């Protein structure tokens, strides 16, 4: 995993964020209306959607990475980099927390 991310951490979804499948595209939308908390719609590609679906508040980042490695034909190094970027993005929009 990226040196910036502790693979033992467990991501947990923000309950104020909902997931919708719109025309085959998975998107995140905040439930709250206040622009100071967030005013966005976040769209996932197939790999990011698979990762999002694995975030259950119980699986560590390492466990999620291993499941994604089995699902996608990608190098471990590339997957680690992409997972690191995705988790940082999700944290920045307050869609997940790490515990």
C-alpha atoms as a PDB file:
ATOM      1  CA  UNK A   1       0.000   0.000   0.000  1.00  0.00           C
ATOM      2  CA  UNK A   2       1.076   3.583  -0.407  1.00  0.00           C
ATOM      3  CA  UNK A   3       3.402   4.826   2.302  1.00  0.00           C
ATOM      4  CA  UNK A   4       0.798   7.460   3.179  1.00  0.00           C
ATOM      5  CA  UNK A   5      -1.935   4.952   3.964  1.00  0.00           C
ATOM      6  CA  UNK A   6      -2.108   2.491   6.834  1.00  0.00           C
ATOM      7  CA  UNK A   7      -3.509  -0.714   5.329  1.00  0.00           C
ATOM      8  CA  UNK A   8      -4.854  -1.790   8.719  1.00  0.00           C
ATOM      9  CA  UNK A   9      -7.290   1.121   8.690  1.00  0.00           C
ATOM     10  CA  UNK A  10     -10.942   0.318   8.126  1.00  0.00           C
ATOM     11  CA  UNK A  11     -12.923   2.700   5.921  1.00  0.00           C
ATOM     12  CA  UNK A  12     -16.470   3.473   6.970  1.00  0.00           C
ATOM     13  CA  UNK A  13     -19.081   5.134   4.760  1.00  0.00           C
ATOM     14  CA  UNK A  14     -20.680   8.391   5.827  1.00  0.00           C
ATOM     15  CA  UNK A  15     -24.383   7.628   6.445  1.00  0.00           C
ATOM     16  CA  UNK A  16     -25.270  11.044   5.016  1.00  0.00           C
ATOM     17  CA  UNK A  17     -24.028   9.952   1.578  1.00  0.00           C
ATOM     18  CA  UNK A  18     -26.247   7.856  -0.683  1.00  0.00           C
ATOM     19  CA  UNK A  19     -25.247   5.736  -3.653  1.00  0.00           C
ATOM     20  CA  UNK A  20     -27.353   5.611  -6.808  1.00  0.00           C
ATOM     21  CA  UNK A  21     -27.047   3.738 -10.063  1.00  0.00           C
ATOM     22  CA  UNK A  22     -28.027   6.197 -12.773  1.00  0.00           C
ATOM     23  CA  UNK A  23     -28.008   4.728 -16.250  1.00  0.00           C
ATOM     24  CA  UNK A  24     -25.394   2.150 -15.296  1.00  0.00           C
ATOM     25  CA  UNK A  25     -23.147   4.723 -13.651  1.00  0.00           C
ATOM     26  CA  UNK A  26     -22.628   4.625  -9.871  1.00  0.00           C
ATOM     27  CA  UNK A  27     -22.753   8.046  -8.226  1.00  0.00           C
ATOM     28  CA  UNK A  28     -22.553   9.381  -4.668  1.00  0.00           C
ATOM     29  CA  UNK A  29     -24.799  12.180  -3.514  1.00  0.00           C
ATOM     30  CA  UNK A  30     -24.967  13.899  -0.133  1.00  0.00           C
ATOM     31  CA  UNK A  31     -28.287  13.839   1.703  1.00  0.00           C
ATOM     32  CA  UNK A  32     -27.719  17.241   3.250  1.00  0.00           C
ATOM     33  CA  UNK A  33     -28.537  20.458   1.420  1.00  0.00           C
ATOM     34  CA  UNK A  34     -26.088  22.823   3.107  1.00  0.00           C
ATOM     35  CA  UNK A  35     -23.298  23.866   0.734  1.00  0.00           C
ATOM     36  CA  UNK A  36     -20.877  24.230   3.644  1.00  0.00           C
ATOM     37  CA  UNK A  37     -21.042  20.443   4.152  1.00  0.00           C
ATOM     38  CA  UNK A  38     -20.776  19.561   0.504  1.00  0.00           C
ATOM     39  CA  UNK A  39     -22.532  20.210  -2.743  1.00  0.00           C
ATOM     40  CA  UNK A  40     -21.470  17.571  -5.234  1.00  0.00           C
ATOM     41  CA  UNK A  41     -22.261  14.429  -7.146  1.00  0.00           C
ATOM     42  CA  UNK A  42     -19.310  12.035  -7.282  1.00  0.00           C
ATOM     43  CA  UNK A  43     -19.180   9.576 -10.176  1.00  0.00           C
ATOM     44  CA  UNK A  44     -17.337   6.235 -10.089  1.00  0.00           C
ATOM     45  CA  UNK A  45     -15.687   4.190 -12.797  1.00  0.00           C
ATOM     46  CA  UNK A  46     -16.138   0.398 -12.624  1.00  0.00           C
ATOM     47  CA  UNK A  47     -13.118  -0.202 -10.368  1.00  0.00           C
ATOM     48  CA  UNK A  48     -13.984   2.630  -7.975  1.00  0.00           C
ATOM     49  CA  UNK A  49     -17.587   1.378  -7.774  1.00  0.00           C
ATOM     50  CA  UNK A  50     -16.295  -2.108  -6.907  1.00  0.00           C
ATOM     51  CA  UNK A  51     -14.132  -0.606  -4.168  1.00  0.00           C
ATOM     52  CA  UNK A  52     -17.021   1.474  -2.810  1.00  0.00           C
ATOM     53  CA  UNK A  53     -19.189  -1.642  -2.636  1.00  0.00           C
ATOM     54  CA  UNK A  54     -16.499  -3.409  -0.566  1.00  0.00           C
ATOM     55  CA  UNK A  55     -16.437  -0.659   2.057  1.00  0.00           C
ATOM     56  CA  UNK A  56     -18.569  -2.101   4.828  1.00  0.00           C
ATOM     57  CA  UNK A  57     -17.027  -0.657   7.987  1.00  0.00           C
ATOM     58  CA  UNK A  58     -15.466  -4.066   8.785  1.00  0.00           C
ATOM     59  CA  UNK A  59     -12.922  -4.788   6.022  1.00  0.00           C
ATOM     60  CA  UNK A  60      -9.491  -3.185   6.236  1.00  0.00           C
ATOM     61  CA  UNK A  61      -7.927  -1.410   3.272  1.00  0.00           C
ATOM     62  CA  UNK A  62      -5.631  -4.403   2.840  1.00  0.00           C
ATOM     63  CA  UNK A  63      -8.598  -6.794   2.705  1.00  0.00           C
ATOM     64  CA  UNK A  64     -10.339  -4.543   0.179  1.00  0.00           C
ATOM     65  CA  UNK A  65      -7.160  -4.385  -1.910  1.00  0.00           C
ATOM     66  CA  UNK A  66      -6.865  -8.180  -1.916  1.00  0.00           C
ATOM     67  CA  UNK A  67     -10.474  -8.603  -3.066  1.00  0.00           C
ATOM     68  CA  UNK A  68      -9.944  -6.053  -5.832  1.00  0.00           C
ATOM     69  CA  UNK A  69      -6.747  -7.850  -6.905  1.00  0.00           C
ATOM     70  CA  UNK A  70      -8.815 -10.992  -7.481  1.00  0.00           C
ATOM     71  CA  UNK A  71     -11.460  -9.087  -9.451  1.00  0.00           C
ATOM     72  CA  UNK A  72      -9.288  -6.938 -11.716  1.00  0.00           C
ATOM     73  CA  UNK A  73      -6.272  -7.792 -13.838  1.00  0.00           C
ATOM     74  CA  UNK A  74      -3.959  -5.041 -12.605  1.00  0.00           C
ATOM     75  CA  UNK A  75      -0.574  -4.912 -10.922  1.00  0.00           C
ATOM     76  CA  UNK A  76      -0.538  -4.658  -7.148  1.00  0.00           C
ATOM     77  CA  UNK A  77       1.488  -1.448  -7.336  1.00  0.00           C
ATOM     78  CA  UNK A  78      -1.018   0.224  -9.665  1.00  0.00           C
ATOM     79  CA  UNK A  79      -3.976  -0.931  -7.582  1.00  0.00           C
ATOM     80  CA  UNK A  80      -2.361   0.396  -4.401  1.00  0.00           C
ATOM     81  CA  UNK A  81      -1.772   3.770  -6.019  1.00  0.00           C
ATOM     82  CA  UNK A  82      -5.324   4.003  -7.352  1.00  0.00           C
ATOM     83  CA  UNK A  83      -6.837   2.852  -4.049  1.00  0.00           C
ATOM     84  CA  UNK A  84      -4.774   5.451  -2.202  1.00  0.00           C
ATOM     85  CA  UNK A  85      -6.017   8.186  -4.545  1.00  0.00           C
ATOM     86  CA  UNK A  86      -9.634   7.040  -4.262  1.00  0.00           C
ATOM     87  CA  UNK A  87      -9.600   6.850  -0.465  1.00  0.00           C
ATOM     88  CA  UNK A  88      -8.003  10.299  -0.219  1.00  0.00           C
ATOM     89  CA  UNK A  89     -10.686  11.682  -2.565  1.00  0.00           C
ATOM     90  CA  UNK A  90     -13.476  10.025  -0.577  1.00  0.00           C
ATOM     91  CA  UNK A  91     -12.043  11.392   2.660  1.00  0.00           C
ATOM     92  CA  UNK A  92     -11.771  14.891   1.167  1.00  0.00           C
ATOM     93  CA  UNK A  93     -15.500  14.938   0.348  1.00  0.00           C
ATOM     94  CA  UNK A  94     -16.285  13.328   3.719  1.00  0.00           C
ATOM     95  CA  UNK A  95     -17.778  10.216   2.099  1.00  0.00           C
ATOM     96  CA  UNK A  96     -15.619   7.942   4.285  1.00  0.00           C
ATOM     97  CA  UNK A  97     -13.703   8.007   7.515  1.00  0.00           C
ATOM     98  CA  UNK A  98     -10.857   5.698   8.484  1.00  0.00           C
ATOM     99  CA  UNK A  99     -10.825   4.013  11.865  1.00  0.00           C
END
